[in-house]
Structures are given as C-alpha cells and as structure tokens.
Amino acid sequence: MKLGWKKRYADILKEFNYSEKKDKESAILLNSILKESNANQKIIRLIEGKTVFVIGSGPSLLTAIPVLKRYRKSIKIAADSSLESLVKNGIMPNIIVTDLDGDEDTLKKIAKTQAIFVVHAHGDNMEKLALAKKFKNCIGTTQSKPFSKIQNFGGFTDGDRGVFLANHYGAKKIILFGMDFGKKIGKFSKTKKIDRETKLMKLKKGENLLEWLSTITKSELFTTSKSIKGFQKISYKELDIIIT
C-alpha cells in the first residue's frame, strides 16, 4: 500500500492545496509531544483477526446508535465527530481517530479511560496538538512520511482513516456504521455552512480512498450505511450472521 499511498497523498495535496512542508512540521511537533507507550501493541491485540466496527458521523448514525448499543463487546473505532453522540448514549469506542477538530469537552472527558487515541497531525492543526498530552493511550499519524513515533496507515478523513487503520492491523472483517459519503452532511459532524463545499469534497475523497482500499485489502468489508464500491451492503438484521 505504501507505493500506492504516495501517489494518493500527492493528489490530496494538489486537490486541496495543502502544504506537505506544513504536514511534516505538524508531524514533528506531535512526535515531540507523544510519550513512549504500548498503545500500538494494545491496538494489535484489539484488532488482529477480529471483526471491527468503524463509526462515522453521517446521517445514518442516528439509526445506528440503538443497534450499536446491542453490541457492547464488539471492537469499535470511532471518528471523533461521532464521539459526543456515542458517549452520550453510553457507547464507548475502543479507538478514537481524531485530528482534534471534534468536541474537545468529550475528548477531555474520556482522555484517561482505556480508549486509544489515534491523533493525526496535519498542517492545519498544530495549535491543537498539545491536547494529545492529556490522553492516557495515544499514537500519532501523518499523511506524509512516517518516522519515530509517527505512523502512516493511509486515509484522509477521520472516518476513512479508521478503516485504513483496521486494515493495517489485520482486521478479519470491517463493518461501517454512520459512514454515508453522500451529499447530505450528518448533524453530528457540526459542519458550518461556509465549510459545506469543502466537507463534501473531503467526503468524496474519503469514499474514493475506501474504494481503492477495497481492491488491495485482505479484510472482508461491509457497510450498513450508503453503498460503497467494494463493500458489501448489509442490513442491521444481518449483523449477527456477519459477526459469527
């Protein structure tokens, strides 16, 4: 995947007019903030060979929440935009994928729990990275070249990065919830009207990356949300069959 990712990262830089230099500076800063930890080993134990739920904040999250409550023991990776709603409903993800632009109060609230935070460094979030100091279990990621304590699993938005993470750590099955990638932005994502066009572009890019991932992954891929090429669309009623 590394060779394929390099080209896709170049496309992201061009399409969104991002700076690779700033991405690298942000990653260097995050690396200096992170403590040595065994969070990586914990993620391996959680994911390798398992069925993993990846949760986004699309419109279908509303209907997914009552279903997720029934699967408390399932391994859950959550995009941080879904976190506030999940925690309010008593659903605690095992792993939170975040570039720290979600609800800061919720992040701080669960900072000292057993949840593992996968903090992403990019050119626009350097001023927020100090928040990573508060997390008991934390690893760092970048879209550019990995080094030292900073890794690169692939992915662009918090949601699709969660899928790339599950793939990287060898999940047997990956099931998506609240990841709709359509023209409608979920109310949980708290996107301002002025940012709507950029958000839709990011969602489209995330979807394209997942379609690419489906062609190279060894994991079985499913979605309870909007159909995605390469993912088997399933209903909530089929979950018990897929999980076993």
C-alpha atoms as a PDB file:
ATOM      1  CA  MET A   1       0.000   0.000   0.000  1.00  0.00           C
ATOM      2  CA  LYS A   2       2.905   2.378   0.674  1.00  0.00           C
ATOM      3  CA  LEU A   3       3.697   2.866  -3.009  1.00  0.00           C
ATOM      4  CA  GLY A   4       0.049   3.408  -3.858  1.00  0.00           C
ATOM      5  CA  TRP A   5      -0.408   5.833  -0.965  1.00  0.00           C
ATOM      6  CA  LYS A   6       2.389   8.138  -2.114  1.00  0.00           C
ATOM      7  CA  LYS A   7       0.500   8.930  -5.331  1.00  0.00           C
ATOM      8  CA  ARG A   8      -2.796   9.424  -3.499  1.00  0.00           C
ATOM      9  CA  TYR A   9      -1.187  11.759  -0.993  1.00  0.00           C
ATOM     10  CA  ALA A  10       0.227  13.809  -3.875  1.00  0.00           C
ATOM     11  CA  ASP A  11      -3.304  14.023  -5.312  1.00  0.00           C
ATOM     12  CA  ILE A  12      -4.679  15.227  -1.946  1.00  0.00           C
ATOM     13  CA  LEU A  13      -2.012  17.954  -1.674  1.00  0.00           C
ATOM     14  CA  LYS A  14      -2.856  19.182  -5.172  1.00  0.00           C
ATOM     15  CA  GLU A  15      -6.637  18.929  -4.924  1.00  0.00           C
ATOM     16  CA  PHE A  16      -6.949  20.680  -1.553  1.00  0.00           C
ATOM     17  CA  ASN A  17      -3.957  22.988  -1.934  1.00  0.00           C
ATOM     18  CA  TYR A  18      -2.301  21.603   1.190  1.00  0.00           C
ATOM     19  CA  SER A  19       1.360  22.020   2.125  1.00  0.00           C
ATOM     20  CA  GLU A  20       3.483  18.896   2.543  1.00  0.00           C
ATOM     21  CA  LYS A  21       6.021  21.047   4.424  1.00  0.00           C
ATOM     22  CA  LYS A  22       3.372  22.041   6.998  1.00  0.00           C
ATOM     23  CA  ASP A  23       2.187  18.435   7.290  1.00  0.00           C
ATOM     24  CA  LYS A  24       5.754  17.404   8.109  1.00  0.00           C
ATOM     25  CA  GLU A  25       6.201  20.248  10.613  1.00  0.00           C
ATOM     26  CA  SER A  26       2.999  19.218  12.349  1.00  0.00           C
ATOM     27  CA  ALA A  27       4.123  15.575  12.485  1.00  0.00           C
ATOM     28  CA  ILE A  28       7.483  16.619  14.002  1.00  0.00           C
ATOM     29  CA  LEU A  29       5.653  18.627  16.662  1.00  0.00           C
ATOM     30  CA  LEU A  30       3.316  15.735  17.510  1.00  0.00           C
ATOM     31  CA  ASN A  31       6.268  13.351  17.710  1.00  0.00           C
ATOM     32  CA  SER A  32       7.878  15.654  20.310  1.00  0.00           C
ATOM     33  CA  ILE A  33       4.650  15.693  22.347  1.00  0.00           C
ATOM     34  CA  LEU A  34       3.914  11.948  22.410  1.00  0.00           C
ATOM     35  CA  LYS A  35       5.292   9.783  25.194  1.00  0.00           C
ATOM     36  CA  GLU A  36       6.595   6.287  24.577  1.00  0.00           C
ATOM     37  CA  SER A  37       3.706   3.863  25.116  1.00  0.00           C
ATOM     38  CA  ASN A  38       2.476   0.349  24.423  1.00  0.00           C
ATOM     39  CA  ALA A  39      -0.677   1.639  22.681  1.00  0.00           C
ATOM     40  CA  ASN A  40       0.483   0.062  19.420  1.00  0.00           C
ATOM     41  CA  GLN A  41       0.563  -3.405  20.995  1.00  0.00           C
ATOM     42  CA  LYS A  42      -2.869  -2.782  22.513  1.00  0.00           C
ATOM     43  CA  ILE A  43      -4.282  -1.961  19.064  1.00  0.00           C
ATOM     44  CA  ILE A  44      -2.817  -5.171  17.627  1.00  0.00           C
ATOM     45  CA  ARG A  45      -4.493  -7.215  20.375  1.00  0.00           C
ATOM     46  CA  LEU A  46      -7.803  -5.445  19.797  1.00  0.00           C
ATOM     47  CA  ILE A  47      -7.947  -5.693  16.014  1.00  0.00           C
ATOM     48  CA  GLU A  48      -5.859  -8.503  14.551  1.00  0.00           C
ATOM     49  CA  GLY A  49      -8.119 -11.278  13.229  1.00  0.00           C
ATOM     50  CA  LYS A  50     -11.247  -9.661  14.729  1.00  0.00           C
ATOM     51  CA  THR A  51     -14.499  -8.172  13.443  1.00  0.00           C
ATOM     52  CA  VAL A  52     -14.235  -4.402  13.858  1.00  0.00           C
ATOM     53  CA  PHE A  53     -16.916  -1.681  13.687  1.00  0.00           C
ATOM     54  CA  VAL A  54     -15.862   1.678  12.221  1.00  0.00           C
ATOM     55  CA  ILE A  55     -18.229   4.514  13.100  1.00  0.00           C
ATOM     56  CA  GLY A  56     -18.612   7.861  11.328  1.00  0.00           C
ATOM     57  CA  SER A  57     -20.943  10.812  11.867  1.00  0.00           C
ATOM     58  CA  GLY A  58     -23.067  10.596   8.716  1.00  0.00           C
ATOM     59  CA  PRO A  59     -26.881  10.870   8.753  1.00  0.00           C
ATOM     60  CA  SER A  60     -27.326   7.115   9.369  1.00  0.00           C
ATOM     61  CA  LEU A  61     -25.552   7.348  12.740  1.00  0.00           C
ATOM     62  CA  LEU A  62     -28.948   8.248  14.211  1.00  0.00           C
ATOM     63  CA  THR A  63     -30.395   4.835  13.331  1.00  0.00           C
ATOM     64  CA  ALA A  64     -27.108   3.055  14.077  1.00  0.00           C
ATOM     65  CA  ILE A  65     -26.880   4.121  17.728  1.00  0.00           C
ATOM     66  CA  PRO A  66     -29.639   1.817  19.082  1.00  0.00           C
ATOM     67  CA  VAL A  67     -28.037  -1.057  17.133  1.00  0.00           C
ATOM     68  CA  LEU A  68     -24.540  -0.284  18.431  1.00  0.00           C
ATOM     69  CA  LYS A  69     -25.887  -0.377  21.996  1.00  0.00           C
ATOM     70  CA  ARG A  70     -26.695  -4.055  21.465  1.00  0.00           C
ATOM     71  CA  TYR A  71     -23.091  -4.856  20.532  1.00  0.00           C
ATOM     72  CA  ARG A  72     -21.261  -3.512  23.557  1.00  0.00           C
ATOM     73  CA  LYS A  73     -18.490  -6.120  23.381  1.00  0.00           C
ATOM     74  CA  SER A  74     -17.694  -5.501  19.700  1.00  0.00           C
ATOM     75  CA  ILE A  75     -14.464  -3.646  18.889  1.00  0.00           C
ATOM     76  CA  LYS A  76     -15.331  -0.089  17.846  1.00  0.00           C
ATOM     77  CA  ILE A  77     -13.230   2.516  16.058  1.00  0.00           C
ATOM     78  CA  ALA A  78     -14.900   5.938  16.013  1.00  0.00           C
ATOM     79  CA  ALA A  79     -14.258   9.119  14.073  1.00  0.00           C
ATOM     80  CA  ASP A  80     -14.151  11.889  16.649  1.00  0.00           C
ATOM     81  CA  SER A  81     -17.133  13.714  15.087  1.00  0.00           C
ATOM     82  CA  SER A  82     -19.297  10.751  16.183  1.00  0.00           C
ATOM     83  CA  LEU A  83     -17.802  10.633  19.673  1.00  0.00           C
ATOM     84  CA  GLU A  84     -20.036  13.118  21.505  1.00  0.00           C
ATOM     85  CA  SER A  85     -23.199  11.322  20.403  1.00  0.00           C
ATOM     86  CA  LEU A  86     -21.782   7.873  21.149  1.00  0.00           C
ATOM     87  CA  VAL A  87     -20.600   8.784  24.657  1.00  0.00           C
ATOM     88  CA  LYS A  88     -23.934  10.459  25.474  1.00  0.00           C
ATOM     89  CA  ASN A  89     -25.609   7.179  24.550  1.00  0.00           C
ATOM     90  CA  GLY A  90     -23.305   5.085  26.708  1.00  0.00           C
ATOM     91  CA  ILE A  91     -21.257   3.709  23.808  1.00  0.00           C
ATOM     92  CA  MET A  92     -17.525   3.818  24.484  1.00  0.00           C
ATOM     93  CA  PRO A  93     -15.296   3.226  21.454  1.00  0.00           C
ATOM     94  CA  ASN A  94     -12.095   1.258  21.902  1.00  0.00           C
ATOM     95  CA  ILE A  95     -10.221   3.539  19.481  1.00  0.00           C
ATOM     96  CA  ILE A  96     -10.852   7.187  18.562  1.00  0.00           C
ATOM     97  CA  VAL A  97      -9.403   8.507  15.305  1.00  0.00           C
ATOM     98  CA  THR A  98      -9.046  12.273  15.559  1.00  0.00           C
ATOM     99  CA  ASP A  99      -7.346  15.328  14.100  1.00  0.00           C
ATOM    100  CA  LEU A 100      -8.651  17.135  17.221  1.00  0.00           C
ATOM    101  CA  ASP A 101     -11.349  19.204  15.488  1.00  0.00           C
ATOM    102  CA  GLY A 102     -14.241  17.382  17.216  1.00  0.00           C
ATOM    103  CA  ASP A 103     -15.895  18.142  20.550  1.00  0.00           C
ATOM    104  CA  GLU A 104     -12.989  18.977  22.860  1.00  0.00           C
ATOM    105  CA  ASP A 105     -15.013  18.519  26.052  1.00  0.00           C
ATOM    106  CA  THR A 106     -15.856  14.932  25.115  1.00  0.00           C
ATOM    107  CA  LEU A 107     -12.232  14.203  24.197  1.00  0.00           C
ATOM    108  CA  LYS A 108     -11.085  15.530  27.580  1.00  0.00           C
ATOM    109  CA  LYS A 109     -13.860  13.650  29.381  1.00  0.00           C
ATOM    110  CA  ILE A 110     -12.589  10.263  28.210  1.00  0.00           C
ATOM    111  CA  ALA A 111      -8.883  11.179  27.992  1.00  0.00           C
ATOM    112  CA  LYS A 112      -7.885   8.978  30.946  1.00  0.00           C
ATOM    113  CA  THR A 113     -10.021   5.953  30.031  1.00  0.00           C
ATOM    114  CA  GLN A 114      -8.674   2.810  28.358  1.00  0.00           C
ATOM    115  CA  ALA A 115      -9.694   4.207  24.944  1.00  0.00           C
ATOM    116  CA  ILE A 116      -6.801   4.570  22.496  1.00  0.00           C
ATOM    117  CA  PHE A 117      -6.489   7.904  20.696  1.00  0.00           C
ATOM    118  CA  VAL A 118      -5.038   7.913  17.202  1.00  0.00           C
ATOM    119  CA  VAL A 119      -4.093  11.572  16.765  1.00  0.00           C
ATOM    120  CA  HIS A 120      -3.469  12.814  13.248  1.00  0.00           C
ATOM    121  CA  ALA A 121      -1.032  15.657  12.540  1.00  0.00           C
ATOM    122  CA  HIS A 122      -1.593  17.905   9.528  1.00  0.00           C
ATOM    123  CA  GLY A 123      -0.701  21.448   8.530  1.00  0.00           C
ATOM    124  CA  ASP A 124      -3.885  22.991   9.954  1.00  0.00           C
ATOM    125  CA  ASN A 125      -3.965  21.561  13.473  1.00  0.00           C
ATOM    126  CA  MET A 126      -0.570  22.363  15.005  1.00  0.00           C
ATOM    127  CA  GLU A 127      -2.104  24.641  17.629  1.00  0.00           C
ATOM    128  CA  LYS A 128      -4.319  21.786  18.883  1.00  0.00           C
ATOM    129  CA  LEU A 129      -1.721  19.025  19.142  1.00  0.00           C
ATOM    130  CA  ALA A 130      -0.861  19.793  22.786  1.00  0.00           C
ATOM    131  CA  LEU A 131      -4.209  18.182  23.647  1.00  0.00           C
ATOM    132  CA  ALA A 132      -2.542  14.822  22.940  1.00  0.00           C
ATOM    133  CA  LYS A 133      -0.650  15.220  26.249  1.00  0.00           C
ATOM    134  CA  LYS A 134      -3.919  14.564  28.087  1.00  0.00           C
ATOM    135  CA  PHE A 135      -4.566  11.152  26.510  1.00  0.00           C
ATOM    136  CA  LYS A 136      -3.561   8.115  28.544  1.00  0.00           C
ATOM    137  CA  ASN A 137      -3.191   5.881  25.467  1.00  0.00           C
ATOM    138  CA  CYS A 138      -2.128   7.649  22.290  1.00  0.00           C
ATOM    139  CA  ILE A 139      -0.354   7.094  18.979  1.00  0.00           C
ATOM    140  CA  GLY A 140       0.360   9.626  16.221  1.00  0.00           C
ATOM    141  CA  THR A 141      -0.235   9.522  12.470  1.00  0.00           C
ATOM    142  CA  THR A 142       0.658  11.567   9.410  1.00  0.00           C
ATOM    143  CA  GLN A 143      -0.262  11.600   5.718  1.00  0.00           C
ATOM    144  CA  SER A 144       3.393  12.147   4.784  1.00  0.00           C
ATOM    145  CA  LYS A 145       6.442  10.000   5.525  1.00  0.00           C
ATOM    146  CA  PRO A 146       6.252   8.098   8.863  1.00  0.00           C
ATOM    147  CA  PHE A 147       9.136   8.356  11.345  1.00  0.00           C
ATOM    148  CA  SER A 148       9.930   7.677  15.008  1.00  0.00           C
ATOM    149  CA  LYS A 149       6.587   7.593  16.911  1.00  0.00           C
ATOM    150  CA  ILE A 150       4.546   8.828  13.913  1.00  0.00           C
ATOM    151  CA  GLN A 151       2.872   6.244  11.659  1.00  0.00           C
ATOM    152  CA  ASN A 152       1.008   6.328   8.355  1.00  0.00           C
ATOM    153  CA  PHE A 153      -1.791   3.812   7.759  1.00  0.00           C
ATOM    154  CA  GLY A 154      -3.330   5.760   4.868  1.00  0.00           C
ATOM    155  CA  GLY A 155      -6.677   7.559   4.742  1.00  0.00           C
ATOM    156  CA  PHE A 156      -7.786  11.176   4.687  1.00  0.00           C
ATOM    157  CA  THR A 157     -10.807  11.960   6.890  1.00  0.00           C
ATOM    158  CA  ASP A 158     -11.148  10.602  10.426  1.00  0.00           C
ATOM    159  CA  GLY A 159     -13.732   8.070   9.234  1.00  0.00           C
ATOM    160  CA  ASP A 160     -11.837   6.507   6.361  1.00  0.00           C
ATOM    161  CA  ARG A 161      -8.584   6.649   8.372  1.00  0.00           C
ATOM    162  CA  GLY A 162     -10.348   4.392  10.872  1.00  0.00           C
ATOM    163  CA  VAL A 163     -10.952   1.860   8.095  1.00  0.00           C
ATOM    164  CA  PHE A 164      -7.344   2.088   6.901  1.00  0.00           C
ATOM    165  CA  LEU A 165      -6.206   1.567  10.495  1.00  0.00           C
ATOM    166  CA  ALA A 166      -8.366  -1.562  10.870  1.00  0.00           C
ATOM    167  CA  ASN A 167      -6.939  -2.861   7.597  1.00  0.00           C
ATOM    168  CA  HIS A 168      -3.358  -2.122   8.652  1.00  0.00           C
ATOM    169  CA  TYR A 169      -3.733  -4.079  11.883  1.00  0.00           C
ATOM    170  CA  GLY A 170      -5.253  -7.093  10.137  1.00  0.00           C
ATOM    171  CA  ALA A 171      -8.956  -6.992  10.994  1.00  0.00           C
ATOM    172  CA  LYS A 172     -10.775 -10.060   9.672  1.00  0.00           C
ATOM    173  CA  LYS A 173     -13.965  -8.115   8.960  1.00  0.00           C
ATOM    174  CA  ILE A 174     -14.632  -4.366   8.905  1.00  0.00           C
ATOM    175  CA  ILE A 175     -18.212  -3.110   9.218  1.00  0.00           C
ATOM    176  CA  LEU A 176     -19.100   0.558   8.674  1.00  0.00           C
ATOM    177  CA  PHE A 177     -21.770   2.495  10.592  1.00  0.00           C
ATOM    178  CA  GLY A 178     -22.761   6.136  10.022  1.00  0.00           C
ATOM    179  CA  MET A 179     -20.422   6.448   7.050  1.00  0.00           C
ATOM    180  CA  ASP A 180     -22.634   7.662   4.221  1.00  0.00           C
ATOM    181  CA  PHE A 181     -20.340   9.703   1.951  1.00  0.00           C
ATOM    182  CA  GLY A 182     -23.322  11.357   0.257  1.00  0.00           C
ATOM    183  CA  LYS A 183     -24.437  14.929  -0.450  1.00  0.00           C
ATOM    184  CA  LYS A 184     -26.073  15.197   2.973  1.00  0.00           C
ATOM    185  CA  ILE A 185     -23.816  16.023   5.915  1.00  0.00           C
ATOM    186  CA  GLY A 186     -24.838  14.414   9.201  1.00  0.00           C
ATOM    187  CA  LYS A 187     -25.926  16.745  12.006  1.00  0.00           C
ATOM    188  CA  PHE A 188     -23.318  15.145  14.273  1.00  0.00           C
ATOM    189  CA  SER A 189     -20.434  16.460  12.169  1.00  0.00           C
ATOM    190  CA  LYS A 190     -21.188  20.086  13.161  1.00  0.00           C
ATOM    191  CA  THR A 191     -20.013  21.432   9.792  1.00  0.00           C
ATOM    192  CA  LYS A 192     -20.607  25.156   9.333  1.00  0.00           C
ATOM    193  CA  LYS A 193     -22.492  26.206   6.187  1.00  0.00           C
ATOM    194  CA  ILE A 194     -19.424  28.078   4.934  1.00  0.00           C
ATOM    195  CA  ASP A 195     -17.393  24.841   5.093  1.00  0.00           C
ATOM    196  CA  ARG A 196     -20.028  22.664   3.401  1.00  0.00           C
ATOM    197  CA  GLU A 197     -18.428  22.537  -0.052  1.00  0.00           C
ATOM    198  CA  THR A 198     -15.008  21.584   1.355  1.00  0.00           C
ATOM    199  CA  LYS A 199     -16.604  18.957   3.612  1.00  0.00           C
ATOM    200  CA  LEU A 200     -18.376  17.354   0.636  1.00  0.00           C
ATOM    201  CA  MET A 201     -15.085  17.311  -1.305  1.00  0.00           C
ATOM    202  CA  LYS A 202     -13.385  15.606   1.653  1.00  0.00           C
ATOM    203  CA  LEU A 203     -16.164  13.021   1.915  1.00  0.00           C
ATOM    204  CA  LYS A 204     -15.842  12.250  -1.790  1.00  0.00           C
ATOM    205  CA  LYS A 205     -12.086  11.833  -1.430  1.00  0.00           C
ATOM    206  CA  GLY A 206     -12.592   9.567   1.587  1.00  0.00           C
ATOM    207  CA  GLU A 207     -15.018   7.415  -0.387  1.00  0.00           C
ATOM    208  CA  ASN A 208     -12.589   7.174  -3.316  1.00  0.00           C
ATOM    209  CA  LEU A 209      -9.816   6.062  -0.966  1.00  0.00           C
ATOM    210  CA  LEU A 210     -12.020   3.346   0.533  1.00  0.00           C
ATOM    211  CA  GLU A 211     -12.886   2.106  -2.961  1.00  0.00           C
ATOM    212  CA  TRP A 212      -9.147   1.840  -3.643  1.00  0.00           C
ATOM    213  CA  LEU A 213      -8.533   0.107  -0.300  1.00  0.00           C
ATOM    214  CA  SER A 214     -11.178  -2.498  -1.186  1.00  0.00           C
ATOM    215  CA  THR A 215      -9.009  -3.613  -4.126  1.00  0.00           C
ATOM    216  CA  ILE A 216      -5.919  -4.336  -2.002  1.00  0.00           C
ATOM    217  CA  THR A 217      -7.140  -5.315   1.487  1.00  0.00           C
ATOM    218  CA  LYS A 218      -7.333  -8.843   2.898  1.00  0.00           C
ATOM    219  CA  SER A 219     -10.145  -7.807   5.257  1.00  0.00           C
ATOM    220  CA  GLU A 220     -13.784  -8.564   4.428  1.00  0.00           C
ATOM    221  CA  LEU A 221     -15.602  -5.238   4.006  1.00  0.00           C
ATOM    222  CA  PHE A 222     -19.222  -4.443   4.869  1.00  0.00           C
ATOM    223  CA  THR A 223     -21.318  -1.306   5.275  1.00  0.00           C
ATOM    224  CA  THR A 224     -24.644  -0.673   6.996  1.00  0.00           C
ATOM    225  CA  SER A 225     -24.553   2.861   5.564  1.00  0.00           C
ATOM    226  CA  LYS A 226     -24.657   4.164   1.991  1.00  0.00           C
ATOM    227  CA  SER A 227     -23.368   1.709  -0.617  1.00  0.00           C
ATOM    228  CA  ILE A 228     -19.637   1.922  -1.330  1.00  0.00           C
ATOM    229  CA  LYS A 229     -17.982   0.134  -4.224  1.00  0.00           C
ATOM    230  CA  GLY A 230     -16.047  -2.850  -2.873  1.00  0.00           C
ATOM    231  CA  PHE A 231     -18.085  -3.051   0.367  1.00  0.00           C
ATOM    232  CA  GLN A 232     -20.972  -5.487   0.821  1.00  0.00           C
ATOM    233  CA  LYS A 233     -24.121  -3.557   1.786  1.00  0.00           C
ATOM    234  CA  ILE A 234     -25.883  -5.233   4.706  1.00  0.00           C
ATOM    235  CA  SER A 235     -28.890  -4.508   6.918  1.00  0.00           C
ATOM    236  CA  TYR A 236     -28.741  -4.286  10.711  1.00  0.00           C
ATOM    237  CA  LYS A 237     -30.649  -7.591  10.829  1.00  0.00           C
ATOM    238  CA  GLU A 238     -27.756  -9.329   9.056  1.00  0.00           C
ATOM    239  CA  LEU A 239     -25.153  -8.265  11.624  1.00  0.00           C
ATOM    240  CA  ASP A 240     -25.436 -11.402  13.763  1.00  0.00           C
ATOM    241  CA  ILE A 241     -24.760 -13.574  10.718  1.00  0.00           C
ATOM    242  CA  ILE A 242     -21.770 -11.477   9.597  1.00  0.00           C
ATOM    243  CA  ILE A 243     -20.198 -11.275  13.066  1.00  0.00           C
ATOM    244  CA  THR A 244     -20.299 -15.015  13.765  1.00  0.00           C
END
